[in-house]
């Protein structure tokens, strides 16, 4: 962000713990998805592997965000009151109290670098579990990928403003929302025909994946608006970090695990059909 705000001990620890928890979620989900990718059909492995790649990329960037947060603050020594008012000597040195800024600015740009890579992949992993012909898949992938990248890029500049004149943040939010609404429309309406081709539990799971993605993504523009709600300075930084982290866990880990469930259900369905066909023979 370029500016390091004064943090209380509670604020620092809240962001510290949230980033640590998010990192653990991303790493564990990556390991699970990559190991379980061998349990699905070959044509569905790409979806599960890409889901793991999304959380792997996110884990790397969360590590960088976490390290940047730790480097931006430190807990310095704090002295007690003088033992003797005449000699001016102080009591034992304590380490309690709020952290102090080190002068190294907290760099949250890692989050946007993460989104620039993972958001298009998130959309592609959903497309990979649908019944789409090669031409339709390529068209949808390029369209959604480009739109999502533009959404991320257009929102980055406004993120630099968390207090004072918030006009640039409003403008960036409005432009980014145009791309965002286009993506939500594609997920909920544009891909409905492909979802309708699925049957039973698989169709429900794919619909849930689209719905979870759309709903979880709706939290991002709300978090983006926190400074406009009167939350400024250190409070805005803390609210944004916690809000974005929770949204990331849902949209990356949650949707990734759902993609695996869809792939596993399709695999089981295919195996059952093969057994039925053999029985008929």
Protein backbone atom coordinates (compact mmCIF):
# COMPACT_ATOMS: atom_id res chain seq x y z
CA UNK A 1 0.00 0.00 0.00
CA UNK A 2 2.94 2.32 0.51
CA UNK A 3 1.71 3.59 3.92
CA UNK A 4 2.26 1.76 7.22
CA UNK A 5 -0.38 2.67 9.79
CA UNK A 6 -0.03 2.45 13.57
CA UNK A 7 -1.47 -0.86 14.78
CA UNK A 8 -2.63 -1.95 18.20
CA UNK A 9 -1.49 -5.34 19.47
CA UNK A 10 -4.96 -6.80 18.81
CA UNK A 11 -5.07 -5.47 15.25
CA UNK A 12 -1.60 -6.77 14.41
CA UNK A 13 -2.32 -10.21 15.87
CA UNK A 14 -5.69 -10.46 14.12
CA UNK A 15 -4.14 -9.90 10.68
CA UNK A 16 -1.16 -12.09 11.62
CA UNK A 17 -3.40 -15.02 12.62
CA UNK A 18 -5.75 -14.56 9.67
CA UNK A 19 -2.92 -14.62 7.14
CA UNK A 20 -1.37 -17.65 8.86
CA UNK A 21 -4.70 -19.51 8.85
CA UNK A 22 -5.27 -18.65 5.17
CA UNK A 23 -1.80 -19.91 4.27
CA UNK A 24 -2.44 -23.20 6.06
CA UNK A 25 -5.78 -23.64 4.28
CA UNK A 26 -4.22 -23.04 0.87
CA UNK A 27 -1.31 -25.42 1.48
CA UNK A 28 -3.44 -28.25 2.86
CA UNK A 29 -6.01 -27.93 0.08
CA UNK A 30 -3.24 -28.05 -2.54
CA UNK A 31 -1.82 -31.28 -1.13
CA UNK A 32 -5.25 -32.90 -0.89
CA UNK A 33 -6.33 -31.97 -4.43
CA UNK A 34 -3.09 -33.06 -6.07
CA UNK A 35 -3.11 -36.41 -4.29
CA UNK A 36 -6.77 -37.01 -5.12
CA UNK A 37 -6.34 -36.07 -8.79
CA UNK A 38 -5.28 -39.68 -9.42
CA UNK A 39 -8.71 -40.91 -8.30
CA UNK A 40 -10.69 -39.29 -11.15
CA UNK A 41 -10.99 -39.94 -14.87
CA UNK A 42 -8.11 -38.78 -17.05
CA UNK A 43 -10.29 -36.18 -18.79
CA UNK A 44 -11.16 -34.66 -15.39
CA UNK A 45 -7.67 -34.66 -13.89
CA UNK A 46 -6.86 -31.27 -15.39
CA UNK A 47 -9.72 -29.65 -13.46
CA UNK A 48 -8.56 -31.07 -10.13
CA UNK A 49 -4.87 -30.34 -10.81
CA UNK A 50 -5.68 -26.74 -11.80
CA UNK A 51 -7.76 -26.39 -8.62
CA UNK A 52 -4.66 -27.42 -6.68
CA UNK A 53 -2.56 -25.02 -8.74
CA UNK A 54 -4.88 -22.17 -7.75
CA UNK A 55 -4.39 -22.85 -4.04
CA UNK A 56 -0.65 -23.44 -4.56
CA UNK A 57 -0.23 -20.02 -6.20
CA UNK A 58 -2.36 -18.49 -3.45
CA UNK A 59 -0.24 -20.18 -0.76
CA UNK A 60 2.92 -18.68 -2.26
CA UNK A 61 1.46 -15.20 -2.32
CA UNK A 62 0.02 -15.54 1.19
CA UNK A 63 3.50 -16.43 2.35
CA UNK A 64 4.77 -13.21 0.76
CA UNK A 65 1.93 -11.15 2.28
CA UNK A 66 2.53 -12.73 5.69
CA UNK A 67 6.27 -12.00 5.54
CA UNK A 68 5.62 -8.43 4.43
CA UNK A 69 3.23 -7.93 7.36
CA UNK A 70 5.80 -9.24 9.84
CA UNK A 71 8.55 -7.07 8.33
CA UNK A 72 6.40 -3.94 8.55
CA UNK A 73 6.09 -4.10 12.36
CA UNK A 74 8.18 -5.12 15.34
CA UNK A 75 7.72 -5.40 19.05
CA UNK A 76 10.26 -3.15 20.70
CA UNK A 77 11.33 -2.91 24.36
CA UNK A 78 9.24 -0.79 26.68
CA UNK A 79 10.62 0.45 29.98
CA UNK A 80 8.78 0.78 33.24
CA UNK A 81 8.69 3.96 35.30
CA UNK A 82 12.03 5.03 36.92
CA UNK A 83 12.90 3.12 40.07
CA UNK A 84 14.34 6.21 41.65
CA UNK A 85 13.13 9.61 40.66
CA UNK A 86 16.54 11.05 41.67
CA UNK A 87 18.88 8.88 39.61
CA UNK A 88 16.48 8.44 36.67
CA UNK A 89 17.17 4.72 36.41
CA UNK A 90 14.45 2.63 34.84
CA UNK A 91 13.03 -0.69 35.92
CA UNK A 92 13.21 -3.94 33.95
CA UNK A 93 12.64 -3.84 30.20
CA UNK A 94 9.29 -5.26 29.09
CA UNK A 95 8.05 -6.41 25.67
CA UNK A 96 4.37 -5.63 26.16
CA UNK A 97 2.51 -2.95 24.25
CA UNK A 98 1.63 -2.33 20.60
CA UNK A 99 4.01 -3.12 17.73
CA UNK A 100 6.06 -0.33 16.17
CA UNK A 101 6.38 0.39 12.46
CA UNK A 102 9.78 -0.63 11.12
CA UNK A 103 9.68 1.80 8.22
CA UNK A 104 9.29 -1.04 5.73
CA UNK A 105 5.91 -0.49 4.02
CA UNK A 106 3.41 -3.34 4.02
CA UNK A 107 3.11 -4.56 0.42
CA UNK A 108 -0.38 -5.84 -0.33
CA UNK A 109 0.22 -5.84 -4.10
CA UNK A 110 1.04 -9.54 -3.76
CA UNK A 111 -2.69 -10.12 -3.33
CA UNK A 112 -3.48 -8.57 -6.70
CA UNK A 113 -0.66 -10.49 -8.38
CA UNK A 114 -2.25 -13.62 -6.92
CA UNK A 115 -5.70 -12.73 -8.22
CA UNK A 116 -4.34 -11.92 -11.67
CA UNK A 117 -3.13 -15.53 -11.92
CA UNK A 118 -5.72 -17.45 -9.92
CA UNK A 119 -9.02 -15.81 -10.89
CA UNK A 120 -8.85 -16.85 -14.58
CA UNK A 121 -7.77 -20.35 -13.47
CA UNK A 122 -10.72 -20.53 -11.07
CA UNK A 123 -13.09 -19.96 -13.97
CA UNK A 124 -11.28 -22.42 -16.22
CA UNK A 125 -11.48 -25.20 -13.61
CA UNK A 126 -15.27 -24.80 -13.58
CA UNK A 127 -15.42 -24.97 -17.38
CA UNK A 128 -13.32 -28.14 -17.39
CA UNK A 129 -15.94 -30.14 -15.48
CA UNK A 130 -18.74 -29.12 -17.85
CA UNK A 131 -19.87 -30.79 -21.06
CA UNK A 132 -18.51 -28.22 -23.50
CA UNK A 133 -17.21 -28.83 -27.00
CA UNK A 134 -13.68 -27.65 -27.79
CA UNK A 135 -14.79 -24.49 -29.61
CA UNK A 136 -17.21 -23.41 -26.87
CA UNK A 137 -14.68 -24.17 -24.13
CA UNK A 138 -11.98 -22.11 -25.86
CA UNK A 139 -14.36 -19.20 -26.45
CA UNK A 140 -15.66 -19.16 -22.86
CA UNK A 141 -12.18 -19.60 -21.39
CA UNK A 142 -10.71 -16.68 -23.33
CA UNK A 143 -13.74 -14.46 -22.68
CA UNK A 144 -13.93 -15.12 -18.93
CA UNK A 145 -10.15 -15.10 -18.53
CA UNK A 146 -9.76 -11.73 -20.24
CA UNK A 147 -12.73 -10.20 -18.42
CA UNK A 148 -11.47 -11.38 -15.02
CA UNK A 149 -7.97 -10.01 -15.70
CA UNK A 150 -9.46 -6.62 -16.63
CA UNK A 151 -11.53 -6.72 -13.44
CA UNK A 152 -8.41 -7.22 -11.33
CA UNK A 153 -6.29 -4.62 -13.13
CA UNK A 154 -9.00 -1.94 -13.02
CA UNK A 155 -9.49 -2.41 -9.27
CA UNK A 156 -5.83 -2.26 -8.25
CA UNK A 157 -5.28 1.50 -8.47
CA UNK A 158 -8.20 2.32 -6.17
CA UNK A 159 -6.83 -0.07 -3.55
CA UNK A 160 -4.04 2.43 -2.89
CA UNK A 161 -6.53 4.85 -1.30
CA UNK A 162 -7.95 3.93 2.10
CA UNK A 163 -8.52 7.42 3.51
CA UNK A 164 -8.73 11.06 2.41
CA UNK A 165 -9.95 11.58 -1.15
CA UNK A 166 -11.60 8.28 -2.08
CA UNK A 167 -12.74 9.36 -5.55
CA UNK A 168 -10.08 7.18 -7.28
CA UNK A 169 -11.28 4.19 -5.23
CA UNK A 170 -14.89 4.81 -6.24
CA UNK A 171 -13.95 5.09 -9.92
CA UNK A 172 -11.85 1.91 -9.83
CA UNK A 173 -14.66 0.08 -8.04
CA UNK A 174 -17.24 1.14 -10.62
CA UNK A 175 -15.07 0.10 -13.58
CA UNK A 176 -14.15 -3.21 -11.97
CA UNK A 177 -17.81 -3.92 -11.16
CA UNK A 178 -18.71 -3.74 -14.85
CA UNK A 179 -16.38 -6.65 -15.58
CA UNK A 180 -17.46 -8.41 -12.38
CA UNK A 181 -21.16 -8.33 -13.29
CA UNK A 182 -20.35 -9.72 -16.72
CA UNK A 183 -18.60 -12.71 -15.12
CA UNK A 184 -21.46 -13.32 -12.67
CA UNK A 185 -23.93 -13.24 -15.58
CA UNK A 186 -21.89 -15.83 -17.48
CA UNK A 187 -21.67 -18.10 -14.45
CA UNK A 188 -25.36 -17.95 -13.59
CA UNK A 189 -26.96 -17.53 -17.03
CA UNK A 190 -24.44 -17.95 -19.86
CA UNK A 191 -23.38 -21.43 -18.71
CA UNK A 192 -26.86 -22.62 -17.68
CA UNK A 193 -27.26 -24.60 -20.92
CA UNK A 194 -24.09 -26.56 -20.19
CA UNK A 195 -25.26 -27.27 -16.63
CA UNK A 196 -28.62 -28.47 -17.98
CA UNK A 197 -26.82 -31.21 -19.95
CA UNK A 198 -25.67 -32.83 -16.71
CA UNK A 199 -27.82 -35.22 -14.74
CA UNK A 200 -28.71 -35.79 -11.12
CA UNK A 201 -26.14 -35.06 -8.44
CA UNK A 202 -23.52 -33.84 -10.92
CA UNK A 203 -25.77 -31.06 -12.23
CA UNK A 204 -26.53 -29.93 -8.68
CA UNK A 205 -22.84 -29.86 -7.75
CA UNK A 206 -21.85 -27.88 -10.85
CA UNK A 207 -24.67 -25.41 -10.19
CA UNK A 208 -23.43 -25.12 -6.59
CA UNK A 209 -19.88 -24.46 -7.82
CA UNK A 210 -21.11 -21.62 -10.04
CA UNK A 211 -23.29 -20.27 -7.25
CA UNK A 212 -20.53 -20.50 -4.62
CA UNK A 213 -18.12 -18.73 -6.94
CA UNK A 214 -20.57 -15.93 -7.69
CA UNK A 215 -21.65 -15.47 -4.06
CA UNK A 216 -18.11 -15.63 -2.63
CA UNK A 217 -16.93 -13.16 -5.25
CA UNK A 218 -19.69 -10.77 -4.20
CA UNK A 219 -17.86 -10.33 -0.91
CA UNK A 220 -14.82 -8.79 -2.62
CA UNK A 221 -16.55 -5.59 -3.85
CA UNK A 222 -18.14 -5.23 -0.40
CA UNK A 223 -14.75 -5.45 1.31
CA UNK A 224 -13.42 -3.00 -1.26
CA UNK A 225 -16.05 -0.50 -0.07
CA UNK A 226 -15.03 -0.63 3.61
CA UNK A 227 -13.11 2.71 3.45
CA UNK A 228 -16.22 4.31 1.91
CA UNK A 229 -18.20 3.20 4.97
CA UNK A 230 -16.03 5.37 7.22
CA UNK A 231 -13.51 2.65 8.07
CA UNK A 232 -10.13 4.31 7.57
CA UNK A 233 -6.47 4.04 8.49
CA UNK A 234 -5.40 0.97 10.45
CA UNK A 235 -9.01 -0.17 10.88
CA UNK A 236 -9.45 -0.21 7.09
CA UNK A 237 -6.24 -2.19 6.59
CA UNK A 238 -7.28 -4.80 9.16
CA UNK A 239 -10.85 -5.09 7.84
CA UNK A 240 -9.62 -5.43 4.24
CA UNK A 241 -7.00 -8.06 5.08
CA UNK A 242 -9.40 -10.18 7.13
CA UNK A 243 -12.24 -9.76 4.63
CA UNK A 244 -10.20 -10.65 1.54
CA UNK A 245 -8.57 -13.62 3.29
CA UNK A 246 -11.91 -15.16 4.28
CA UNK A 247 -13.25 -14.61 0.76
CA UNK A 248 -10.16 -16.27 -0.71
CA UNK A 249 -10.60 -19.35 1.47
CA UNK A 250 -14.19 -19.79 0.26
CA UNK A 251 -13.58 -19.04 -3.44
CA UNK A 252 -10.30 -20.98 -3.75
CA UNK A 253 -10.36 -23.80 -1.19
CA UNK A 254 -14.14 -24.21 -1.05
CA UNK A 255 -14.72 -24.16 -4.80
CA UNK A 256 -11.60 -26.27 -5.40
CA UNK A 257 -12.91 -29.01 -3.11
CA UNK A 258 -16.28 -28.80 -4.85
CA UNK A 259 -14.56 -29.23 -8.23
CA UNK A 260 -13.02 -32.43 -6.90
CA UNK A 261 -16.43 -33.64 -5.69
CA UNK A 262 -17.87 -33.00 -9.16
CA UNK A 263 -14.99 -34.88 -10.78
CA UNK A 264 -15.37 -37.76 -8.32
CA UNK A 265 -19.14 -37.93 -8.92
CA UNK A 266 -18.63 -37.98 -12.69
CA UNK A 267 -16.01 -40.69 -12.31
CA UNK A 268 -18.34 -42.83 -10.19
CA UNK A 269 -21.18 -42.25 -12.65
CA UNK A 270 -19.01 -43.33 -15.59
CA UNK A 271 -17.82 -46.45 -13.78
CA UNK A 272 -21.40 -47.37 -12.88
CA UNK A 273 -22.51 -46.95 -16.50
CA UNK A 274 -19.68 -49.22 -17.65
CA UNK A 275 -20.72 -51.91 -15.16
CA UNK A 276 -24.33 -51.68 -16.30
CA UNK A 277 -23.28 -51.98 -19.95
CA UNK A 278 -21.19 -55.07 -19.15
CA UNK A 279 -24.15 -56.58 -17.33
CA UNK A 280 -26.37 -56.11 -20.34
CA UNK A 281 -23.83 -57.93 -22.50
